[in-house]
PDB file of N, CA and C in Angstrom:
ATOM      1  N   MET A   1      45.678-105.931 113.478  1.00  0.00           N
ATOM      2  CA  MET A   1      45.604-105.602 112.097  1.00  0.00           C
ATOM      3  C   MET A   1      46.692-104.614 111.748  1.00  0.00           C
ATOM      4  N   ALA A   2      47.050-104.606 110.492  1.00  0.00           N
ATOM      5  CA  ALA A   2      48.103-103.716 110.012  1.00  0.00           C
ATOM      6  C   ALA A   2      47.543-102.310 109.838  1.00  0.00           C
ATOM      7  N   ASN A   3      48.449-101.364 109.963  1.00  0.00           N
ATOM      8  CA  ASN A   3      48.030 -99.975 109.761  1.00  0.00           C
ATOM      9  C   ASN A   3      47.717 -99.752 108.286  1.00  0.00           C
ATOM     10  N   LYS A   4      46.514 -99.360 108.040  1.00  0.00           N
ATOM     11  CA  LYS A   4      46.128 -99.067 106.662  1.00  0.00           C
ATOM     12  C   LYS A   4      46.097 -97.556 106.491  1.00  0.00           C
ATOM     13  N   GLN A   5      46.916 -97.096 105.561  1.00  0.00           N
ATOM     14  CA  GLN A   5      46.911 -95.678 105.256  1.00  0.00           C
ATOM     15  C   GLN A   5      46.226 -95.475 103.920  1.00  0.00           C
ATOM     16  N   THR A   6      45.249 -94.632 103.921  1.00  0.00           N
ATOM     17  CA  THR A   6      44.564 -94.359 102.667  1.00  0.00           C
ATOM     18  C   THR A   6      45.187 -93.121 102.050  1.00  0.00           C
ATOM     19  N   PRO A   7      45.502 -93.192 100.784  1.00  0.00           N
ATOM     20  CA  PRO A   7      46.077 -92.009 100.144  1.00  0.00           C
ATOM     21  C   PRO A   7      45.053 -90.874 100.149  1.00  0.00           C
ATOM     22  N   SER A   8      45.537 -89.662 100.412  1.00  0.00           N
ATOM     23  CA  SER A   8      44.623 -88.526 100.508  1.00  0.00           C
ATOM     24  C   SER A   8      43.930 -88.265  99.174  1.00  0.00           C
ATOM     25  N   LYS A   9      44.680 -88.290  98.109  1.00  0.00           N
ATOM     26  CA  LYS A   9      44.093 -88.094  96.784  1.00  0.00           C
ATOM     27  C   LYS A   9      44.870 -88.931  95.779  1.00  0.00           C
ATOM     28  N   THR A  10      44.162 -89.483  94.871  1.00  0.00           N
ATOM     29  CA  THR A  10      44.843 -90.239  93.824  1.00  0.00           C
ATOM     30  C   THR A  10      45.277 -89.276  92.733  1.00  0.00           C
ATOM     31  N   LEU A  11      46.076 -89.775  91.836  1.00  0.00           N
ATOM     32  CA  LEU A  11      46.603 -88.957  90.743  1.00  0.00           C
ATOM     33  C   LEU A  11      45.470 -88.403  89.881  1.00  0.00           C
ATOM     34  N   LYS A  12      44.454 -89.223  89.608  1.00  0.00           N
ATOM     35  CA  LYS A  12      43.353 -88.761  88.764  1.00  0.00           C
ATOM     36  C   LYS A  12      42.548 -87.659  89.447  1.00  0.00           C
ATOM     37  N   GLU A  13      42.390 -87.761  90.753  1.00  0.00           N
ATOM     38  CA  GLU A  13      41.642 -86.727  91.469  1.00  0.00           C
ATOM     39  C   GLU A  13      42.354 -85.379  91.408  1.00  0.00           C
ATOM     40  N   THR A  14      43.691 -85.403  91.504  1.00  0.00           N
ATOM     41  CA  THR A  14      44.424 -84.136  91.460  1.00  0.00           C
ATOM     42  C   THR A  14      44.412 -83.542  90.059  1.00  0.00           C
ATOM     43  N   GLU A  15      44.379 -84.382  89.028  1.00  0.00           N
ATOM     44  CA  GLU A  15      44.332 -83.885  87.654  1.00  0.00           C
ATOM     45  C   GLU A  15      42.991 -83.237  87.338  1.00  0.00           C
ATOM     46  N   LEU A  16      41.922 -83.710  87.979  1.00  0.00           N
ATOM     47  CA  LEU A  16      40.591 -83.190  87.689  1.00  0.00           C
ATOM     48  C   LEU A  16      40.319 -81.848  88.366  1.00  0.00           C
ATOM     49  N   GLN A  17      41.059 -81.524  89.389  1.00  0.00           N
ATOM     50  CA  GLN A  17      40.825 -80.264  90.088  1.00  0.00           C
ATOM     51  C   GLN A  17      41.293 -79.096  89.223  1.00  0.00           C
ATOM     52  N   PRO A  18      40.511 -78.033  89.191  1.00  0.00           N
ATOM     53  CA  PRO A  18      40.931 -76.881  88.386  1.00  0.00           C
ATOM     54  C   PRO A  18      42.148 -76.197  89.006  1.00  0.00           C
ATOM     55  N   LYS A  19      43.013 -75.715  88.133  1.00  0.00           N
ATOM     56  CA  LYS A  19      44.203 -75.028  88.605  1.00  0.00           C
ATOM     57  C   LYS A  19      43.808 -73.617  89.024  1.00  0.00           C
ATOM     58  N   PRO A  20      44.460 -73.094  90.019  1.00  0.00           N
ATOM     59  CA  PRO A  20      44.118 -71.729  90.440  1.00  0.00           C
ATOM     60  C   PRO A  20      44.465 -70.739  89.335  1.00  0.00           C
ATOM     61  N   LYS A  21      43.597 -69.760  89.161  1.00  0.00           N
ATOM     62  CA  LYS A  21      43.809 -68.766  88.114  1.00  0.00           C
ATOM     63  C   LYS A  21      44.887 -67.779  88.549  1.00  0.00           C
ATOM     64  N   ARG A  22      45.667 -67.364  87.576  1.00  0.00           N
ATOM     65  CA  ARG A  22      46.709 -66.379  87.831  1.00  0.00           C
ATOM     66  C   ARG A  22      46.067 -64.999  87.844  1.00  0.00           C
ATOM     67  N   ILE A  23      46.370 -64.238  88.838  1.00  0.00           N
ATOM     68  CA  ILE A  23      45.815 -62.901  88.955  1.00  0.00           C
ATOM     69  C   ILE A  23      46.675 -61.946  88.141  1.00  0.00           C
ATOM     70  N   ARG A  24      46.049 -61.254  87.216  1.00  0.00           N
ATOM     71  CA  ARG A  24      46.772 -60.301  86.374  1.00  0.00           C
ATOM     72  C   ARG A  24      46.744 -58.934  87.035  1.00  0.00           C
ATOM     73  N   ARG A  25      47.930 -58.378  87.146  1.00  0.00           N
ATOM     74  CA  ARG A  25      48.041 -57.042  87.714  1.00  0.00           C
ATOM     75  C   ARG A  25      47.974 -56.018  86.597  1.00  0.00           C
ATOM     76  N   PRO A  26      47.387 -54.865  86.856  1.00  0.00           N
ATOM     77  CA  PRO A  26      47.368 -53.828  85.817  1.00  0.00           C
ATOM     78  C   PRO A  26      48.776 -53.319  85.545  1.00  0.00           C
ATOM     79  N   ALA A  27      48.998 -52.879  84.318  1.00  0.00           N
ATOM     80  CA  ALA A  27      50.315 -52.382  83.920  1.00  0.00           C
ATOM     81  C   ALA A  27      50.627 -51.087  84.663  1.00  0.00           C
ATOM     82  N   THR A  28      51.880 -50.927  85.014  1.00  0.00           N
ATOM     83  CA  THR A  28      52.299 -49.703  85.698  1.00  0.00           C
ATOM     84  C   THR A  28      52.485 -48.587  84.675  1.00  0.00           C
ATOM     85  N   GLU A  29      52.580 -47.363  85.164  1.00  0.00           N
ATOM     86  CA  GLU A  29      52.781 -46.215  84.283  1.00  0.00           C
ATOM     87  C   GLU A  29      54.096 -46.342  83.517  1.00  0.00           C
ATOM     88  N   GLU A  30      55.121 -46.877  84.191  1.00  0.00           N
ATOM     89  CA  GLU A  30      56.423 -47.058  83.544  1.00  0.00           C
ATOM     90  C   GLU A  30      56.325 -48.036  82.376  1.00  0.00           C
ATOM     91  N   GLN A  31      55.575 -49.113  82.576  1.00  0.00           N
ATOM     92  CA  GLN A  31      55.414 -50.098  81.513  1.00  0.00           C
ATOM     93  C   GLN A  31      54.628 -49.516  80.341  1.00  0.00           C
ATOM     94  N   LEU A  32      53.597 -48.747  80.642  1.00  0.00           N
ATOM     95  CA  LEU A  32      52.772 -48.175  79.583  1.00  0.00           C
ATOM     96  C   LEU A  32      53.527 -47.134  78.768  1.00  0.00           C
ATOM     97  N   SER A  33      54.486 -46.462  79.387  1.00  0.00           N
ATOM     98  CA  SER A  33      55.248 -45.455  78.659  1.00  0.00           C
ATOM     99  C   SER A  33      56.403 -46.067  77.856  1.00  0.00           C
ATOM    100  N   ASN A  34      56.699 -47.344  78.084  1.00  0.00           N
ATOM    101  CA  ASN A  34      57.747 -48.033  77.343  1.00  0.00           C
ATOM    102  C   ASN A  34      57.243 -48.345  75.930  1.00  0.00           C
ATOM    103  N   PRO A  35      57.957 -47.873  74.881  1.00  0.00           N
ATOM    104  CA  PRO A  35      57.473 -48.111  73.511  1.00  0.00           C
ATOM    105  C   PRO A  35      57.465 -49.590  73.115  1.00  0.00           C
ATOM    106  N   PHE A  36      58.137 -50.454  73.858  1.00  0.00           N
ATOM    107  CA  PHE A  36      58.158 -51.876  73.542  1.00  0.00           C
ATOM    108  C   PHE A  36      57.119 -52.661  74.330  1.00  0.00           C
ATOM    109  N   HIS A  37      56.328 -51.986  75.160  1.00  0.00           N
ATOM    110  CA  HIS A  37      55.316 -52.667  75.961  1.00  0.00           C
ATOM    111  C   HIS A  37      54.232 -53.238  75.050  1.00  0.00           C
ATOM    112  N   GLY A  38      54.098 -54.560  75.048  1.00  0.00           N
ATOM    113  CA  GLY A  38      53.079 -55.226  74.247  1.00  0.00           C
ATOM    114  C   GLY A  38      53.427 -55.383  72.775  1.00  0.00           C
ATOM    115  N   VAL A  39      54.664 -55.054  72.397  1.00  0.00           N
ATOM    116  CA  VAL A  39      55.070 -55.162  70.999  1.00  0.00           C
ATOM    117  C   VAL A  39      56.071 -56.308  70.876  1.00  0.00           C
ATOM    118  N   LYS A  40      55.788 -57.228  69.988  1.00  0.00           N
ATOM    119  CA  LYS A  40      56.676 -58.370  69.783  1.00  0.00           C
ATOM    120  C   LYS A  40      57.765 -58.016  68.767  1.00  0.00           C
ATOM    121  N   LEU A  41      58.835 -58.782  68.808  1.00  0.00           N
ATOM    122  CA  LEU A  41      59.947 -58.555  67.895  1.00  0.00           C
ATOM    123  C   LEU A  41      59.495 -58.646  66.439  1.00  0.00           C
ATOM    124  N   LYS A  42      58.593 -59.551  66.149  1.00  0.00           N
ATOM    125  CA  LYS A  42      58.083 -59.694  64.781  1.00  0.00           C
ATOM    126  C   LYS A  42      57.386 -58.415  64.334  1.00  0.00           C
ATOM    127  N   GLN A  43      56.606 -57.811  65.225  1.00  0.00           N
ATOM    128  CA  GLN A  43      55.922 -56.563  64.889  1.00  0.00           C
ATOM    129  C   GLN A  43      56.916 -55.432  64.668  1.00  0.00           C
ATOM    130  N   VAL A  44      57.967 -55.391  65.490  1.00  0.00           N
ATOM    131  CA  VAL A  44      59.000 -54.371  65.331  1.00  0.00           C
ATOM    132  C   VAL A  44      59.636 -54.495  63.954  1.00  0.00           C
ATOM    133  N   LEU A  45      60.013 -55.714  63.587  1.00  0.00           N
ATOM    134  CA  LEU A  45      60.671 -55.932  62.301  1.00  0.00           C
ATOM    135  C   LEU A  45      59.730 -55.645  61.130  1.00  0.00           C
ATOM    136  N   GLU A  46      58.466 -56.051  61.245  1.00  0.00           N
ATOM    137  CA  GLU A  46      57.503 -55.775  60.172  1.00  0.00           C
ATOM    138  C   GLU A  46      57.333 -54.270  59.966  1.00  0.00           C
ATOM    139  N   ARG A  47      57.265 -53.514  61.046  1.00  0.00           N
ATOM    140  CA  ARG A  47      57.103 -52.066  60.939  1.00  0.00           C
ATOM    141  C   ARG A  47      58.349 -51.416  60.335  1.00  0.00           C
ATOM    142  N   LEU A  48      59.521 -51.903  60.720  1.00  0.00           N
ATOM    143  CA  LEU A  48      60.756 -51.352  60.151  1.00  0.00           C
ATOM    144  C   LEU A  48      60.847 -51.626  58.655  1.00  0.00           C
ATOM    145  N   VAL A  49      60.501 -52.841  58.253  1.00  0.00           N
ATOM    146  CA  VAL A  49      60.562 -53.195  56.830  1.00  0.00           C
ATOM    147  C   VAL A  49      59.539 -52.386  56.050  1.00  0.00           C
ATOM    148  N   ALA A  50      58.359 -52.195  56.615  1.00  0.00           N
ATOM    149  CA  ALA A  50      57.334 -51.408  55.929  1.00  0.00           C
ATOM    150  C   ALA A  50      57.754 -49.946  55.797  1.00  0.00           C
ATOM    151  N   HIS A  51      58.427 -49.424  56.805  1.00  0.00           N
ATOM    152  CA  HIS A  51      58.804 -48.011  56.794  1.00  0.00           C
ATOM    153  C   HIS A  51      60.063 -47.758  55.964  1.00  0.00           C
ATOM    154  N   TYR A  52      61.093 -48.587  56.148  1.00  0.00           N
ATOM    155  CA  TYR A  52      62.380 -48.353  55.494  1.00  0.00           C
ATOM    156  C   TYR A  52      62.647 -49.272  54.307  1.00  0.00           C
ATOM    157  N   GLY A  53      62.276 -50.538  54.424  1.00  0.00           N
ATOM    158  CA  GLY A  53      62.599 -51.534  53.400  1.00  0.00           C
ATOM    159  C   GLY A  53      63.866 -52.291  53.769  1.00  0.00           C
ATOM    160  N   TRP A  54      64.042 -53.455  53.160  1.00  0.00           N
ATOM    161  CA  TRP A  54      65.187 -54.312  53.480  1.00  0.00           C
ATOM    162  C   TRP A  54      66.517 -53.660  53.106  1.00  0.00           C
ATOM    163  N   ALA A  55      66.545 -52.975  51.982  1.00  0.00           N
ATOM    164  CA  ALA A  55      67.815 -52.387  51.506  1.00  0.00           C
ATOM    165  C   ALA A  55      68.352 -51.357  52.506  1.00  0.00           C
ATOM    166  N   TYR A  56      67.481 -50.476  52.978  1.00  0.00           N
ATOM    167  CA  TYR A  56      67.919 -49.465  53.934  1.00  0.00           C
ATOM    168  C   TYR A  56      68.346 -50.109  55.255  1.00  0.00           C
ATOM    169  N   LEU A  57      67.612 -51.124  55.700  1.00  0.00           N
ATOM    170  CA  LEU A  57      67.985 -51.812  56.947  1.00  0.00           C
ATOM    171  C   LEU A  57      69.357 -52.454  56.807  1.00  0.00           C
ATOM    172  N   GLY A  58      69.644 -53.018  55.632  1.00  0.00           N
ATOM    173  CA  GLY A  58      70.955 -53.615  55.404  1.00  0.00           C
ATOM    174  C   GLY A  58      72.068 -52.589  55.427  1.00  0.00           C
ATOM    175  N   GLU A  59      71.815 -51.425  54.823  1.00  0.00           N
ATOM    176  CA  GLU A  59      72.831 -50.361  54.829  1.00  0.00           C
ATOM    177  C   GLU A  59      73.039 -49.793  56.231  1.00  0.00           C
ATOM    178  N   ARG A  60      71.954 -49.560  56.912  1.00  0.00           N
ATOM    179  CA  ARG A  60      72.020 -48.890  58.217  1.00  0.00           C
ATOM    180  C   ARG A  60      72.604 -49.790  59.296  1.00  0.00           C
ATOM    181  N   THR A  61      72.263 -51.071  59.283  1.00  0.00           N
ATOM    182  CA  THR A  61      72.689 -51.964  60.362  1.00  0.00           C
ATOM    183  C   THR A  61      73.889 -52.819  59.995  1.00  0.00           C
ATOM    184  N   ASN A  62      74.104 -53.048  58.702  1.00  0.00           N
ATOM    185  CA  ASN A  62      75.177 -53.916  58.222  1.00  0.00           C
ATOM    186  C   ASN A  62      75.060 -55.329  58.793  1.00  0.00           C
ATOM    187  N   LEU A  63      73.820 -55.835  58.851  1.00  0.00           N
ATOM    188  CA  LEU A  63      73.570 -57.209  59.290  1.00  0.00           C
ATOM    189  C   LEU A  63      73.302 -58.073  58.071  1.00  0.00           C
ATOM    190  N   ARG A  64      73.973 -59.222  58.002  1.00  0.00           N
ATOM    191  CA  ARG A  64      73.833 -60.105  56.842  1.00  0.00           C
ATOM    192  C   ARG A  64      72.395 -60.563  56.640  1.00  0.00           C
ATOM    193  N   CYS A  65      71.638 -60.719  57.729  1.00  0.00           N
ATOM    194  CA  CYS A  65      70.256 -61.191  57.593  1.00  0.00           C
ATOM    195  C   CYS A  65      69.383 -60.174  56.873  1.00  0.00           C
ATOM    196  N   PHE A  66      69.833 -58.914  56.778  1.00  0.00           N
ATOM    197  CA  PHE A  66      69.100 -57.889  56.039  1.00  0.00           C
ATOM    198  C   PHE A  66      69.684 -57.658  54.650  1.00  0.00           C
ATOM    199  N   ILE A  67      70.922 -58.081  54.417  1.00  0.00           N
ATOM    200  CA  ILE A  67      71.603 -57.791  53.162  1.00  0.00           C
ATOM    201  C   ILE A  67      71.442 -58.930  52.151  1.00  0.00           C
ATOM    202  N   TYR A  68      71.757 -60.154  52.565  1.00  0.00           N
ATOM    203  CA  TYR A  68      71.760 -61.299  51.655  1.00  0.00           C
ATOM    204  C   TYR A  68      70.487 -62.124  51.817  1.00  0.00           C
ATOM    205  N   ASN A  69      69.640 -62.097  50.799  1.00  0.00           N
ATOM    206  CA  ASN A  69      68.399 -62.862  50.772  1.00  0.00           C
ATOM    207  C   ASN A  69      67.591 -62.675  52.059  1.00  0.00           C
ATOM    208  N   PRO A  70      67.162 -61.454  52.350  1.00  0.00           N
ATOM    209  CA  PRO A  70      66.462 -61.201  53.610  1.00  0.00           C
ATOM    210  C   PRO A  70      65.051 -61.787  53.616  1.00  0.00           C
ATOM    211  N   THR A  71      64.752 -62.497  54.671  1.00  0.00           N
ATOM    212  CA  THR A  71      63.400 -62.990  54.906  1.00  0.00           C
ATOM    213  C   THR A  71      63.040 -62.710  56.350  1.00  0.00           C
ATOM    214  N   MET A  72      61.769 -62.656  56.614  1.00  0.00           N
ATOM    215  CA  MET A  72      61.299 -62.395  57.970  1.00  0.00           C
ATOM    216  C   MET A  72      61.742 -63.528  58.908  1.00  0.00           C
ATOM    217  N   LYS A  73      61.625 -64.767  58.449  1.00  0.00           N
ATOM    218  CA  LYS A  73      61.943 -65.915  59.287  1.00  0.00           C
ATOM    219  C   LYS A  73      63.421 -65.944  59.670  1.00  0.00           C
ATOM    220  N   SER A  74      64.302 -65.767  58.703  1.00  0.00           N
ATOM    221  CA  SER A  74      65.737 -65.833  59.008  1.00  0.00           C
ATOM    222  C   SER A  74      66.173 -64.648  59.868  1.00  0.00           C
ATOM    223  N   SER A  75      65.600 -63.481  59.596  1.00  0.00           N
ATOM    224  CA  SER A  75      65.966 -62.297  60.375  1.00  0.00           C
ATOM    225  C   SER A  75      65.500 -62.427  61.816  1.00  0.00           C
ATOM    226  N   LEU A  76      64.274 -62.914  62.022  1.00  0.00           N
ATOM    227  CA  LEU A  76      63.772 -63.095  63.388  1.00  0.00           C
ATOM    228  C   LEU A  76      64.600 -64.126  64.143  1.00  0.00           C
ATOM    229  N   GLY A  77      64.962 -65.203  63.473  1.00  0.00           N
ATOM    230  CA  GLY A  77      65.790 -66.225  64.130  1.00  0.00           C
ATOM    231  C   GLY A  77      67.126 -65.664  64.571  1.00  0.00           C
ATOM    232  N   PHE A  78      67.768 -64.893  63.715  1.00  0.00           N
ATOM    233  CA  PHE A  78      69.052 -64.293  64.056  1.00  0.00           C
ATOM    234  C   PHE A  78      68.908 -63.286  65.183  1.00  0.00           C
ATOM    235  N   LEU A  79      67.898 -62.430  65.106  1.00  0.00           N
ATOM    236  CA  LEU A  79      67.725 -61.399  66.125  1.00  0.00           C
ATOM    237  C   LEU A  79      67.357 -61.989  67.480  1.00  0.00           C
ATOM    238  N   ARG A  80      66.646 -63.092  67.501  1.00  0.00           N
ATOM    239  CA  ARG A  80      66.308 -63.731  68.785  1.00  0.00           C
ATOM    240  C   ARG A  80      67.532 -64.376  69.428  1.00  0.00           C
ATOM    241  N   ARG A  81      68.455 -64.862  68.610  1.00  0.00           N
ATOM    242  CA  ARG A  81      69.662 -65.499  69.146  1.00  0.00           C
ATOM    243  C   ARG A  81      70.752 -64.504  69.503  1.00  0.00           C
ATOM    244  N   THR A  82      70.767 -63.355  68.874  1.00  0.00           N
ATOM    245  CA  THR A  82      71.889 -62.431  68.993  1.00  0.00           C
ATOM    246  C   THR A  82      71.427 -61.144  69.672  1.00  0.00           C
ATOM    247  N   THR A  83      71.822 -60.981  70.926  1.00  0.00           N
ATOM    248  CA  THR A  83      71.350 -59.857  71.732  1.00  0.00           C
ATOM    249  C   THR A  83      71.807 -58.519  71.178  1.00  0.00           C
ATOM    250  N   TRP A  84      73.076 -58.423  70.787  1.00  0.00           N
ATOM    251  CA  TRP A  84      73.587 -57.132  70.330  1.00  0.00           C
ATOM    252  C   TRP A  84      72.884 -56.668  69.055  1.00  0.00           C
ATOM    253  N   ALA A  85      72.551 -57.622  68.174  1.00  0.00           N
ATOM    254  CA  ALA A  85      71.871 -57.269  66.927  1.00  0.00           C
ATOM    255  C   ALA A  85      70.433 -56.835  67.217  1.00  0.00           C
ATOM    256  N   ARG A  86      69.777 -57.534  68.127  1.00  0.00           N
ATOM    257  CA  ARG A  86      68.409 -57.167  68.484  1.00  0.00           C
ATOM    258  C   ARG A  86      68.377 -55.768  69.103  1.00  0.00           C
ATOM    259  N   GLU A  87      69.358 -55.454  69.966  1.00  0.00           N
ATOM    260  CA  GLU A  87      69.417 -54.128  70.569  1.00  0.00           C
ATOM    261  C   GLU A  87      69.640 -53.056  69.505  1.00  0.00           C
ATOM    262  N   HIS A  88      70.449 -53.372  68.511  1.00  0.00           N
ATOM    263  CA  HIS A  88      70.700 -52.431  67.419  1.00  0.00           C
ATOM    264  C   HIS A  88      69.407 -52.157  66.637  1.00  0.00           C
ATOM    265  N   VAL A  89      68.650 -53.204  66.363  1.00  0.00           N
ATOM    266  CA  VAL A  89      67.391 -53.068  65.638  1.00  0.00           C
ATOM    267  C   VAL A  89      66.362 -52.326  66.498  1.00  0.00           C
ATOM    268  N   GLU A  90      66.351 -52.594  67.798  1.00  0.00           N
ATOM    269  CA  GLU A  90      65.430 -51.882  68.688  1.00  0.00           C
ATOM    270  C   GLU A  90      65.752 -50.388  68.731  1.00  0.00           C
ATOM    271  N   ASP A  91      67.037 -50.034  68.704  1.00  0.00           N
ATOM    272  CA  ASP A  91      67.424 -48.620  68.650  1.00  0.00           C
ATOM    273  C   ASP A  91      66.929 -47.973  67.361  1.00  0.00           C
ATOM    274  N   LEU A  92      67.042 -48.704  66.262  1.00  0.00           N
ATOM    275  CA  LEU A  92      66.556 -48.204  64.979  1.00  0.00           C
ATOM    276  C   LEU A  92      65.041 -48.008  65.023  1.00  0.00           C
ATOM    277  N   TYR A  93      64.347 -48.909  65.694  1.00  0.00           N
ATOM    278  CA  TYR A  93      62.890 -48.801  65.843  1.00  0.00           C
ATOM    279  C   TYR A  93      62.523 -47.545  66.649  1.00  0.00           C
ATOM    280  N   LEU A  94      63.265 -47.282  67.708  1.00  0.00           N
ATOM    281  CA  LEU A  94      63.018 -46.077  68.506  1.00  0.00           C
ATOM    282  C   LEU A  94      63.263 -44.825  67.678  1.00  0.00           C
ATOM    283  N   ASP A  95      64.299 -44.836  66.840  1.00  0.00           N
ATOM    284  CA  ASP A  95      64.565 -43.704  65.948  1.00  0.00           C
ATOM    285  C   ASP A  95      63.400 -43.502  64.977  1.00  0.00           C
ATOM    286  N   MET A  96      62.866 -44.606  64.466  1.00  0.00           N
ATOM    287  CA  MET A  96      61.743 -44.526  63.544  1.00  0.00           C
ATOM    288  C   MET A  96      60.522 -43.927  64.238  1.00  0.00           C
ATOM    289  N   LEU A  97      60.270 -44.339  65.484  1.00  0.00           N
ATOM    290  CA  LEU A  97      59.142 -43.791  66.232  1.00  0.00           C
ATOM    291  C   LEU A  97      59.303 -42.289  66.446  1.00  0.00           C
ATOM    292  N   ASP A  98      60.540 -41.867  66.749  1.00  0.00           N
ATOM    293  CA  ASP A  98      60.794 -40.432  66.922  1.00  0.00           C
ATOM    294  C   ASP A  98      60.560 -39.669  65.620  1.00  0.00           C
ATOM    295  N   GLU A  99      61.001 -40.240  64.502  1.00  0.00           N
ATOM    296  CA  GLU A  99      60.816 -39.593  63.197  1.00  0.00           C
ATOM    297  C   GLU A  99      59.332 -39.437  62.867  1.00  0.00           C
ATOM    298  N   THR A 100      58.565 -40.503  63.080  1.00  0.00           N
ATOM    299  CA  THR A 100      57.139 -40.434  62.757  1.00  0.00           C
ATOM    300  C   THR A 100      56.415 -39.474  63.694  1.00  0.00           C
ATOM    301  N   LYS A 101      56.850 -39.403  64.938  1.00  0.00           N
ATOM    302  CA  LYS A 101      56.245 -38.464  65.891  1.00  0.00           C
ATOM    303  C   LYS A 101      56.528 -37.026  65.457  1.00  0.00           C
ATOM    304  N   GLU A 102      57.753 -36.744  65.016  1.00  0.00           N
ATOM    305  CA  GLU A 102      58.107 -35.397  64.535  1.00  0.00           C
ATOM    306  C   GLU A 102      57.328 -35.051  63.273  1.00  0.00           C
ATOM    307  N   GLU A 103      57.176 -36.020  62.387  1.00  0.00           N
ATOM    308  CA  GLU A 103      56.428 -35.770  61.150  1.00  0.00           C
ATOM    309  C   GLU A 103      54.977 -35.427  61.457  1.00  0.00           C
ATOM    310  N   LYS A 104      54.393 -36.108  62.428  1.00  0.00           N
ATOM    311  CA  LYS A 104      53.003 -35.823  62.796  1.00  0.00           C
ATOM    312  C   LYS A 104      52.875 -34.439  63.412  1.00  0.00           C
ATOM    313  N   GLU A 105      53.864 -34.045  64.218  1.00  0.00           N
ATOM    314  CA  GLU A 105      53.821 -32.725  64.836  1.00  0.00           C
ATOM    315  C   GLU A 105      53.988 -31.620  63.799  1.00  0.00           C
ATOM    316  N   GLU A 106      54.824 -31.845  62.784  1.00  0.00           N
ATOM    317  CA  GLU A 106      55.030 -30.857  61.728  1.00  0.00           C
ATOM    318  C   GLU A 106      53.793 -30.728  60.848  1.00  0.00           C
ATOM    319  N   ALA A 107      53.054 -31.798  60.698  1.00  0.00           N
ATOM    320  CA  ALA A 107      51.863 -31.781  59.856  1.00  0.00           C
ATOM    321  C   ALA A 107      50.732 -30.961  60.486  1.00  0.00           C
ATOM    322  N   LYS A 108      50.783 -30.761  61.764  1.00  0.00           N
ATOM    323  CA  LYS A 108      49.713 -30.011  62.451  1.00  0.00           C
ATOM    324  C   LYS A 108      49.750 -28.564  62.149  1.00  0.00           C
TER     325      LYS A 108
END
């Protein structure tokens, strides 16, 4: 008789098996102290617009996405594609965080 090899598992059997769960590690102290930890670019931009407004962002950064017909969608698309512009906006966000922290300390 011919050698009959039985497949160990069929395609459907492998699809039905649950995938192993990814183990989540707790955040390190360095990650927790990073002001961008857990903050998305959209949240950064929303906070900047709420704090400064589009006009000030256009003057301060000189980015066309903030000057001519600024929208959240077009600005996010540009910032995601352009590293130098995103870094510039992130620096502005850090400055804003420092300003608000100083204002809170002065209010005490």
